[in-house]
Amino acid sequence: MPTEVILPKVDMDMATGQISRWFAEEGARVKKGDVLFEIETDKAAMEIDAPASGVLRDVTGKEGVDIPVGAPVAWIYADDESYAPISPIEGEMSARPTEGVASGGTSQSSTALEPSPVEPTPPDRPLAGHPPLEGEGKTRATPLARRLAREAGLNLSGLTGSGPYGRVVKADVEAAISSPLEGEVSAKRTEGVASEGTAFAPSPVEPTPPDRPSAGHPPLKGEGDVLRLFEQGSYDLVPHDNMRKTIARRLVEAKSTIPHFYLTLDCELDALLALRTQINAAAPMKKTDKGDAPTYKLSVNDMVIKAMAMALKAVPDANASWTESAMVKHKHADVGVAVSIPGGLITPIIRHADEKTLSTISNEMKDLASRARSRKLKPEEYQGGTTAVSNLGMFGIKDFAAVINPPHATILAVGAGEERAVVKNGEIKIATVMSVTLSTDHRAVDGALGAELLVAFKRLIENPMGMLV
């Protein structure tokens, strides 16, 4: 039997994916472990290896098209396997056909059966194996396209699909929703189609009130009330990409289900800045294409990561995650760091940050941030973790409160270090001060425990030599 190549699930939130690039063409010989294609997810681009050696056949997964997770995208035939081209009906994201091979033996030893002729599908009937959903008739479509069409009240039977073998995909539905004809009564709307597919006489269309958007800017679902507030022609509609949709969904989930509790205090940075200068000055040099360069260059954020990790180890009850049945007590401090990338943000993770040196954290963070911006992170490099740090100090932000990223129970928001007047022993002094705010999941980390964690963090920041021992 040929080896089926499926679209794997490379992200825990992934329901569909897109192949951004094939590295092998139809009929090419591939080896097990060779890079076969690249998947573009909401957060990264992942290279997928060939699961077997042989000849690549029946490549049904097209580039740039949404494909359900687990759907076959191609098959690999061994050298001794016979091959019969896949038919359009059989190749529509279903199991590899076996009608041309007799049961009871392998393909090279079995007798090929004469396939029965395939009758053309009548235009008013769905394809075999694809029973019609209510209001969608015969049209072939991906699950995501069907869901989007149902939510928008759109009848798929009026659409021409751009997917494999004419299948309607998400892009087709979105194009139909944003089409100027969307506001007219046509076969696209389910209200004008009977369940048996018989068209009803359309009801009269009332003219669009002047305070509503024009047909050229039809509101997408949930946007009508917002768009009515703006003057026609004064805006452009930019559809959300998958990353922005994922961020929105997770933020709504976090703020809706996690009882946030906030704690803020100030940390003096003068000792830390002085130590950072000494450590960077002592960095060994290495030869590069551009000449000698230090082997590391610490940032304040690198030292914040280390301090947060060590604080969690000092207050282990705060190094936890909430579940409905039990509290998850973590044995290691894995610190996620928010990195801004085009279109959103991602949180790569420094694993076992409490056990790593500052130079190791610094170099690892630079590598993760660079690959995050080019969407080359692996899922295990940004999923999980036990806490997170979000630093907006480089933008001059004094203080802010960050949203907890599940499954974390805490996140530390870091503001800018700035010179402030402070009172010491009854005298006003100038010190470099940084405000930090700890957001906690009150189910897992209550006020007193969160305060204990933040005080441990402050102690390390103001006495940074403790991070070197």
Protein backbone atom coordinates (compact mmCIF):
# COMPACT_ATOMS: atom_id res chain seq x y z
CA MET A 1 0.00 0.00 0.00
CA PRO A 2 1.24 3.52 -0.71
CA THR A 3 2.14 5.67 2.28
CA GLU A 4 -0.38 8.40 2.96
CA VAL A 5 1.02 11.88 3.60
CA ILE A 6 -1.30 13.86 5.86
CA LEU A 7 -1.41 17.45 7.03
CA PRO A 8 -0.16 17.11 10.65
CA LYS A 9 -1.33 19.11 13.65
CA VAL A 10 1.66 21.24 14.61
CA ASP A 11 -0.14 23.70 16.90
CA MET A 12 -2.58 22.92 19.72
CA ASP A 13 -5.04 25.51 18.36
CA MET A 14 -4.75 24.29 14.78
CA ALA A 15 -7.90 23.02 13.02
CA THR A 16 -6.80 23.78 9.46
CA GLY A 17 -3.49 24.64 7.87
CA GLN A 18 -2.04 25.89 4.62
CA ILE A 19 0.82 24.44 2.64
CA SER A 20 2.92 27.47 1.80
CA ARG A 21 5.45 25.59 -0.30
CA TRP A 22 6.10 22.13 -1.74
CA PHE A 23 9.77 21.12 -1.93
CA ALA A 24 9.06 18.10 -4.18
CA GLU A 25 6.98 17.92 -7.34
CA GLU A 26 4.52 15.30 -8.54
CA GLY A 27 6.46 12.24 -9.65
CA ALA A 28 9.64 13.19 -7.80
CA ARG A 29 11.61 10.55 -5.89
CA VAL A 30 11.88 11.38 -2.18
CA LYS A 31 13.70 9.82 0.74
CA LYS A 32 12.33 9.32 4.24
CA GLY A 33 13.28 12.37 6.29
CA ASP A 34 13.59 14.72 3.30
CA VAL A 35 11.74 18.03 3.69
CA LEU A 36 8.52 17.49 1.74
CA PHE A 37 6.52 20.67 2.28
CA GLU A 38 6.14 23.68 4.55
CA ILE A 39 3.05 24.45 6.63
CA GLU A 40 2.12 28.00 7.51
CA THR A 41 0.34 28.17 10.87
CA ASP A 42 -0.92 31.15 12.85
CA LYS A 43 2.47 31.57 14.49
CA ALA A 44 5.19 29.84 12.49
CA ALA A 45 6.23 28.08 9.30
CA MET A 46 6.97 24.38 9.87
CA GLU A 47 8.90 22.06 7.56
CA ILE A 48 7.34 18.58 7.29
CA ASP A 49 9.48 15.55 6.43
CA ALA A 50 8.59 12.69 4.11
CA PRO A 51 7.27 9.70 6.14
CA ALA A 52 8.66 7.15 3.66
CA SER A 53 10.92 6.72 0.64
CA GLY A 54 9.51 6.39 -2.87
CA VAL A 55 7.81 8.36 -5.61
CA LEU A 56 5.50 11.26 -4.73
CA ARG A 57 2.10 10.84 -6.39
CA ASP A 58 -1.38 12.38 -6.34
CA VAL A 59 -0.47 15.69 -4.70
CA THR A 60 -3.95 16.93 -3.72
CA GLY A 61 -2.87 19.50 -1.12
CA LYS A 62 -2.58 22.78 -2.98
CA GLU A 63 -0.44 25.68 -1.80
CA GLY A 64 -2.29 28.52 -0.08
CA VAL A 65 -5.52 26.56 0.48
CA ASP A 66 -6.97 25.79 3.92
CA ILE A 67 -6.72 22.03 4.54
CA PRO A 68 -8.25 20.23 7.56
CA VAL A 69 -5.78 18.69 10.00
CA GLY A 70 -5.31 14.99 9.28
CA ALA A 71 -6.44 15.23 5.65
CA PRO A 72 -4.24 13.42 3.09
CA VAL A 73 -2.29 15.76 0.82
CA ALA A 74 -0.29 13.21 -1.21
CA TRP A 75 0.82 9.57 -1.36
CA ILE A 76 4.29 8.01 -1.61
CA TYR A 77 4.64 4.82 -3.67
CA ALA A 78 7.47 2.38 -3.08
CA ASP A 79 9.50 1.32 -6.10
CA ASP A 80 7.75 -2.08 -6.31
CA GLU A 81 4.20 -0.70 -6.02
CA SER A 82 1.96 -0.30 -9.03
CA TYR A 83 0.33 3.07 -9.55
CA ALA A 84 -3.03 4.11 -10.94
CA PRO A 85 -3.85 7.82 -11.16
CA ILE A 86 -6.34 9.06 -8.60
CA SER A 87 -9.69 10.27 -9.91
CA PRO A 88 -11.07 13.69 -8.97
CA ILE A 89 -13.89 12.22 -6.87
CA GLU A 90 -11.58 9.82 -5.06
CA GLY A 91 -8.90 12.44 -4.50
CA GLU A 92 -11.13 14.88 -2.68
CA MET A 93 -9.39 14.70 0.71
CA SER A 94 -10.52 11.11 1.29
CA ALA A 95 -8.77 7.80 1.76
CA ARG A 96 -6.52 6.59 -1.05
CA PRO A 97 -8.63 4.50 -3.48
CA THR A 98 -8.24 0.74 -3.45
CA GLU A 99 -10.86 -0.18 -6.07
CA GLY A 100 -8.13 -0.97 -8.61
CA VAL A 101 -6.43 -3.59 -6.38
CA ALA A 102 -7.88 -6.97 -5.54
CA SER A 103 -8.24 -7.78 -1.85
CA GLY A 104 -6.23 -10.56 -0.31
CA GLY A 105 -2.74 -9.66 -1.50
CA THR A 106 -0.22 -6.92 -2.04
CA SER A 107 -0.36 -4.63 -5.02
CA GLN A 108 2.54 -6.28 -6.82
CA SER A 109 1.14 -9.80 -6.53
CA SER A 110 -2.60 -9.15 -6.73
CA THR A 111 -4.67 -8.96 -9.90
CA ALA A 112 -5.89 -5.52 -10.92
CA LEU A 113 -9.64 -5.29 -11.20
CA GLU A 114 -11.37 -3.48 -14.03
CA PRO A 115 -12.82 -0.38 -12.36
CA SER A 116 -16.53 0.11 -12.83
CA PRO A 117 -17.41 3.16 -14.89
CA VAL A 118 -18.17 6.25 -12.84
CA GLU A 119 -21.43 7.87 -13.81
CA PRO A 120 -21.35 11.64 -13.88
CA THR A 121 -22.94 13.18 -10.83
CA PRO A 122 -26.25 14.84 -11.69
CA PRO A 123 -26.10 18.57 -11.13
CA ASP A 124 -28.81 18.47 -8.48
CA ARG A 125 -27.25 15.69 -6.38
CA PRO A 126 -24.26 15.78 -4.01
CA LEU A 127 -21.21 13.65 -4.65
CA ALA A 128 -21.14 10.21 -3.06
CA GLY A 129 -19.59 10.30 0.37
CA HIS A 130 -20.53 13.93 0.86
CA PRO A 131 -24.13 14.05 2.14
CA PRO A 132 -25.61 17.50 1.83
CA LEU A 133 -25.80 19.68 4.91
CA GLU A 134 -29.01 21.55 5.43
CA GLY A 135 -29.18 24.50 3.07
CA GLU A 136 -25.93 23.57 1.32
CA GLY A 137 -27.15 21.00 -1.22
CA LYS A 138 -24.61 19.41 -3.49
CA THR A 139 -21.71 21.79 -3.01
CA ARG A 140 -18.37 20.38 -1.89
CA ALA A 141 -16.71 22.53 0.77
CA THR A 142 -14.22 22.32 3.62
CA PRO A 143 -15.63 22.13 7.18
CA LEU A 144 -14.31 25.63 7.90
CA ALA A 145 -15.98 27.03 4.79
CA ARG A 146 -19.30 25.43 5.76
CA ARG A 147 -19.12 26.88 9.27
CA LEU A 148 -18.30 30.38 8.02
CA ALA A 149 -21.13 30.16 5.48
CA ARG A 150 -23.64 29.08 8.13
CA GLU A 151 -22.59 31.92 10.43
CA ALA A 152 -23.00 34.44 7.59
CA GLY A 153 -26.28 32.94 6.32
CA LEU A 154 -24.65 32.15 2.98
CA ASN A 155 -25.80 29.33 0.67
CA LEU A 156 -22.76 27.52 -0.72
CA SER A 157 -24.61 26.30 -3.81
CA GLY A 158 -24.13 29.67 -5.45
CA LEU A 159 -20.33 29.68 -5.05
CA THR A 160 -17.59 28.47 -7.36
CA GLY A 161 -14.86 26.75 -5.36
CA SER A 162 -11.16 27.43 -5.87
CA GLY A 163 -10.00 24.41 -3.85
CA PRO A 164 -9.03 20.95 -5.10
CA TYR A 165 -11.54 19.73 -7.70
CA GLY A 166 -13.76 22.77 -7.24
CA ARG A 167 -14.09 22.50 -3.47
CA VAL A 168 -15.26 25.67 -1.73
CA VAL A 169 -12.66 26.91 0.77
CA LYS A 170 -12.54 29.68 3.35
CA ALA A 171 -11.24 32.27 0.87
CA ASP A 172 -14.24 31.67 -1.42
CA VAL A 173 -16.69 32.24 1.43
CA GLU A 174 -14.91 35.38 2.62
CA ALA A 175 -14.88 36.74 -0.93
CA ALA A 176 -18.61 36.09 -1.25
CA ILE A 177 -19.34 37.80 2.07
CA SER A 178 -17.40 40.89 1.08
CA SER A 179 -18.80 40.96 -2.48
CA PRO A 180 -20.93 44.00 -3.45
CA LEU A 181 -23.67 41.54 -4.44
CA GLU A 182 -23.85 40.31 -0.88
CA GLY A 183 -26.52 42.85 -0.05
CA GLU A 184 -28.77 41.79 -2.94
CA VAL A 185 -31.33 39.02 -2.88
CA SER A 186 -29.72 36.17 -4.83
CA ALA A 187 -29.20 32.45 -4.72
CA LYS A 188 -26.34 33.00 -2.25
CA ARG A 189 -28.67 33.62 0.68
CA THR A 190 -30.32 30.64 2.36
CA GLU A 191 -33.49 32.63 3.01
CA GLY A 192 -34.34 32.37 -0.69
CA VAL A 193 -33.73 28.62 -1.02
CA ALA A 194 -36.02 25.84 0.10
CA SER A 195 -34.56 22.85 1.94
CA GLU A 196 -35.14 20.75 -1.22
CA GLY A 197 -33.20 23.28 -3.32
CA THR A 198 -36.32 24.98 -4.84
CA ALA A 199 -36.03 28.76 -4.99
CA PHE A 200 -38.69 30.88 -3.30
CA ALA A 201 -39.86 34.17 -4.73
CA PRO A 202 -37.63 36.82 -3.10
CA SER A 203 -39.24 39.24 -0.72
CA PRO A 204 -38.98 42.96 -1.59
CA VAL A 205 -35.71 44.57 -0.56
CA GLU A 206 -36.02 47.71 1.50
CA PRO A 207 -33.62 50.51 0.55
CA THR A 208 -30.55 50.85 2.76
CA PRO A 209 -31.09 53.59 5.36
CA PRO A 210 -28.65 56.50 4.99
CA ASP A 211 -27.04 55.73 8.35
CA ARG A 212 -25.93 52.27 7.20
CA PRO A 213 -22.81 51.38 5.16
CA SER A 214 -23.18 51.22 1.39
CA ALA A 215 -23.34 47.93 -0.51
CA GLY A 216 -19.69 48.46 -1.43
CA HIS A 217 -18.79 48.08 2.24
CA PRO A 218 -21.16 45.43 3.58
CA PRO A 219 -20.64 44.79 7.28
CA LEU A 220 -19.23 41.41 8.20
CA LYS A 221 -20.96 39.57 11.00
CA GLY A 222 -20.86 41.62 14.20
CA GLU A 223 -19.48 44.74 12.51
CA GLY A 224 -22.70 46.45 11.47
CA ASP A 225 -23.20 48.53 14.59
CA VAL A 226 -19.56 49.66 14.54
CA LEU A 227 -19.48 50.62 10.86
CA ARG A 228 -22.63 52.71 11.16
CA LEU A 229 -20.66 55.10 13.36
CA PHE A 230 -18.27 56.05 10.57
CA GLU A 231 -18.73 58.11 7.45
CA GLN A 232 -19.02 56.12 4.25
CA GLY A 233 -15.73 55.92 2.36
CA SER A 234 -13.70 57.04 5.39
CA TYR A 235 -12.28 53.60 6.16
CA ASP A 236 -10.93 50.41 4.61
CA LEU A 237 -11.81 46.91 5.80
CA VAL A 238 -8.74 44.72 6.34
CA PRO A 239 -9.71 41.07 6.92
CA HIS A 240 -8.19 39.42 10.00
CA ASP A 241 -5.47 36.88 9.35
CA ASN A 242 -5.26 33.61 11.30
CA MET A 243 -2.75 34.98 13.82
CA ARG A 244 -4.93 37.96 14.75
CA LYS A 245 -7.99 35.71 15.08
CA THR A 246 -6.06 33.34 17.36
CA ILE A 247 -4.79 36.20 19.53
CA ALA A 248 -8.29 37.65 19.81
CA ARG A 249 -9.81 34.30 20.74
CA ARG A 250 -7.20 33.53 23.40
CA LEU A 251 -7.37 37.02 24.94
CA VAL A 252 -11.16 36.86 25.19
CA GLU A 253 -10.85 33.41 26.75
CA ALA A 254 -8.22 34.63 29.23
CA LYS A 255 -10.09 37.74 30.37
CA SER A 256 -13.44 35.92 30.44
CA THR A 257 -12.38 32.83 32.37
CA ILE A 258 -9.38 33.89 34.48
CA PRO A 259 -9.99 36.12 37.53
CA HIS A 260 -7.09 38.56 37.14
CA PHE A 261 -5.52 40.15 40.19
CA TYR A 262 -2.81 42.83 39.91
CA LEU A 263 0.14 43.76 42.12
CA THR A 264 2.56 46.64 41.39
CA LEU A 265 5.82 47.75 42.98
CA ASP A 266 8.98 49.69 42.09
CA CYS A 267 12.47 48.22 41.76
CA GLU A 268 15.70 50.23 41.89
CA LEU A 269 18.01 49.33 38.98
CA ASP A 270 21.30 51.08 39.74
CA ALA A 271 23.06 48.01 41.14
CA LEU A 272 21.76 45.85 38.31
CA LEU A 273 22.87 48.33 35.63
CA ALA A 274 26.34 48.54 37.15
CA LEU A 275 26.67 44.74 37.28
CA ARG A 276 25.41 44.42 33.71
CA THR A 277 28.10 46.87 32.54
CA GLN A 278 30.83 44.87 34.31
CA ILE A 279 29.63 41.53 32.93
CA ASN A 280 29.40 42.81 29.36
CA ALA A 281 32.86 44.38 29.62
CA ALA A 282 34.28 41.01 30.69
CA ALA A 283 32.67 39.04 27.82
CA PRO A 284 35.23 36.97 25.84
CA MET A 285 35.63 37.91 22.20
CA LYS A 286 35.00 35.67 19.20
CA LYS A 287 35.85 36.04 15.54
CA THR A 288 33.01 36.63 13.08
CA ASP A 289 32.67 37.62 9.44
CA LYS A 290 32.43 41.22 10.59
CA GLY A 291 35.44 41.03 12.91
CA ASP A 292 35.76 40.36 16.63
CA ALA A 293 32.55 40.44 18.64
CA PRO A 294 31.63 39.65 22.26
CA THR A 295 30.27 36.16 22.90
CA TYR A 296 27.29 37.71 24.66
CA LYS A 297 25.74 41.08 25.45
CA LEU A 298 23.31 41.14 28.35
CA SER A 299 20.17 43.27 28.30
CA VAL A 300 18.09 44.32 31.28
CA ASN A 301 15.37 41.98 29.98
CA ASP A 302 17.76 39.01 30.17
CA MET A 303 18.30 39.75 33.85
CA VAL A 304 14.55 40.22 34.41
CA ILE A 305 13.96 36.72 32.94
CA LYS A 306 16.54 35.21 35.27
CA ALA A 307 15.17 37.06 38.31
CA MET A 308 11.59 35.96 37.56
CA ALA A 309 12.67 32.34 37.20
CA MET A 310 14.65 32.38 40.44
CA ALA A 311 11.77 34.10 42.25
CA LEU A 312 9.44 31.27 41.20
CA LYS A 313 11.90 28.72 42.56
CA ALA A 314 12.09 30.69 45.81
CA VAL A 315 8.27 30.78 46.03
CA PRO A 316 7.35 27.37 44.52
CA ASP A 317 3.64 27.60 45.37
CA ALA A 318 3.39 30.43 42.83
CA ASN A 319 4.96 28.28 40.11
CA ALA A 320 1.61 26.68 39.33
CA SER A 321 -1.20 26.29 36.81
CA TRP A 322 -4.91 25.95 37.54
CA THR A 323 -7.07 23.05 36.38
CA GLU A 324 -10.58 22.22 37.54
CA SER A 325 -9.51 18.98 39.20
CA ALA A 326 -6.06 19.77 40.57
CA MET A 327 -3.33 22.38 40.96
CA VAL A 328 -0.37 21.80 38.65
CA LYS A 329 2.84 22.43 40.63
CA HIS A 330 5.75 22.88 38.22
CA LYS A 331 9.22 21.57 39.03
CA HIS A 332 11.00 23.97 36.69
CA ALA A 333 10.69 27.67 35.91
CA ASP A 334 10.05 28.01 32.18
CA VAL A 335 9.72 31.70 31.31
CA GLY A 336 7.88 32.84 28.19
CA VAL A 337 8.91 36.20 26.75
CA ALA A 338 6.49 38.25 24.65
CA VAL A 339 8.03 39.10 21.25
CA SER A 340 6.33 41.47 18.82
CA ILE A 341 6.18 40.18 15.25
CA PRO A 342 4.37 41.54 12.17
CA GLY A 343 0.64 41.13 12.70
CA GLY A 344 0.76 40.12 16.37
CA LEU A 345 2.99 38.64 19.02
CA ILE A 346 4.37 35.28 20.11
CA THR A 347 5.86 34.04 23.38
CA PRO A 348 8.96 31.87 22.95
CA ILE A 349 10.02 30.09 26.11
CA ILE A 350 13.33 29.94 27.98
CA ARG A 351 13.19 26.44 29.50
CA HIS A 352 14.72 25.90 32.98
CA ALA A 353 15.63 29.59 33.10
CA ASP A 354 16.42 29.33 36.82
CA GLU A 355 19.27 26.91 36.05
CA LYS A 356 20.85 28.81 33.15
CA THR A 357 23.54 31.48 33.26
CA LEU A 358 22.75 35.02 32.22
CA SER A 359 24.92 34.68 29.10
CA THR A 360 23.08 31.51 28.06
CA ILE A 361 19.70 33.18 28.56
CA SER A 362 20.85 36.21 26.55
CA ASN A 363 22.07 34.20 23.54
CA GLU A 364 19.07 31.87 23.61
CA MET A 365 16.65 34.79 23.76
CA LYS A 366 18.30 36.51 20.79
CA ASP A 367 18.03 33.32 18.73
CA LEU A 368 14.38 32.71 19.69
CA ALA A 369 13.37 36.31 18.99
CA SER A 370 15.08 36.26 15.58
CA ARG A 371 13.39 33.03 14.52
CA ALA A 372 10.06 34.20 15.94
CA ARG A 373 10.09 37.25 13.67
CA SER A 374 10.75 35.04 10.65
CA ARG A 375 8.12 32.53 11.87
CA LYS A 376 10.63 29.70 12.14
CA LEU A 377 9.87 28.61 15.71
CA LYS A 378 8.90 25.03 16.44
CA PRO A 379 5.67 24.52 18.45
CA GLU A 380 7.58 23.21 21.47
CA GLU A 381 9.50 26.49 21.54
CA TYR A 382 6.42 28.64 22.18
CA GLN A 383 3.86 26.28 23.76
CA GLY A 384 3.63 25.66 27.49
CA GLY A 385 5.81 27.45 30.01
CA THR A 386 5.04 28.29 33.64
CA THR A 387 5.04 32.11 33.53
CA ALA A 388 5.72 34.97 31.14
CA VAL A 389 7.38 38.39 30.95
CA SER A 390 6.13 41.28 28.82
CA ASN A 391 8.50 44.25 28.61
CA LEU A 392 7.42 47.57 27.09
CA GLY A 393 10.13 49.60 28.79
CA MET A 394 11.98 50.14 25.51
CA PHE A 395 8.98 52.19 24.35
CA GLY A 396 9.10 54.41 27.42
CA ILE A 397 5.97 52.86 28.97
CA LYS A 398 6.07 53.48 32.72
CA ASP A 399 3.67 50.74 33.84
CA PHE A 400 0.89 48.55 32.48
CA ALA A 401 -1.00 45.34 33.28
CA ALA A 402 -0.56 42.32 31.00
CA VAL A 403 -3.17 39.65 30.21
CA ILE A 404 -2.35 36.16 31.50
CA ASN A 405 -1.51 33.64 28.80
CA PRO A 406 -3.05 30.23 29.67
CA PRO A 407 -1.92 27.83 31.04
CA HIS A 408 0.22 30.30 33.02
CA ALA A 409 -0.98 31.62 36.37
CA THR A 410 1.22 34.72 36.30
CA ILE A 411 2.69 37.27 33.90
CA LEU A 412 5.04 40.13 34.76
CA ALA A 413 4.60 43.47 32.97
CA VAL A 414 7.85 45.47 32.96
CA GLY A 415 8.01 49.23 32.50
CA ALA A 416 10.84 51.59 31.65
CA GLY A 417 13.73 52.31 33.98
CA GLU A 418 13.85 56.04 34.66
CA GLU A 419 15.47 58.40 37.09
CA ARG A 420 13.14 59.31 39.95
CA ALA A 421 13.39 61.09 43.26
CA VAL A 422 13.34 58.60 46.13
CA VAL A 423 13.56 59.10 49.88
CA LYS A 424 16.42 57.28 51.65
CA ASN A 425 17.12 57.79 55.35
CA GLY A 426 15.06 60.95 55.35
CA GLU A 427 16.88 62.42 52.35
CA ILE A 428 15.78 62.80 48.73
CA LYS A 429 18.04 60.89 46.36
CA ILE A 430 18.03 60.19 42.62
CA ALA A 431 17.69 56.53 41.64
CA THR A 432 16.89 54.59 38.47
CA VAL A 433 13.52 53.00 39.13
CA MET A 434 11.52 50.42 37.17
CA SER A 435 7.83 49.73 37.85
CA VAL A 436 6.59 46.17 37.42
CA THR A 437 3.06 44.78 37.63
CA LEU A 438 2.33 41.11 38.32
CA SER A 439 -0.95 39.77 36.92
CA THR A 440 -2.04 36.59 38.69
CA ASP A 441 -4.75 33.98 38.23
CA HIS A 442 -6.47 34.42 41.58
CA ARG A 443 -7.59 30.78 41.52
CA ALA A 444 -3.97 29.61 41.67
CA VAL A 445 -2.05 32.56 43.15
CA ASP A 446 -3.86 34.71 45.69
CA GLY A 447 -2.86 38.19 46.85
CA ALA A 448 -0.45 37.22 49.64
CA LEU A 449 1.29 34.56 47.54
CA GLY A 450 1.59 36.95 44.59
CA ALA A 451 3.05 39.61 46.88
CA GLU A 452 5.61 37.11 48.18
CA LEU A 453 6.64 36.29 44.61
CA LEU A 454 6.95 39.94 43.62
CA VAL A 455 9.02 40.76 46.72
CA ALA A 456 11.38 37.87 45.87
CA PHE A 457 11.73 39.28 42.35
CA LYS A 458 12.45 42.79 43.68
CA ARG A 459 15.11 41.40 46.03
CA LEU A 460 16.97 39.78 43.14
CA ILE A 461 16.72 42.87 40.90
CA GLU A 462 18.05 45.17 43.62
CA ASN A 463 20.73 42.66 44.73
CA PRO A 464 21.70 41.18 41.35
CA MET A 465 24.80 39.38 42.58
CA GLY A 466 22.35 36.76 43.87
CA MET A 467 21.69 35.77 40.25
CA LEU A 468 25.34 34.80 39.76
CA VAL A 469 25.64 32.27 42.57
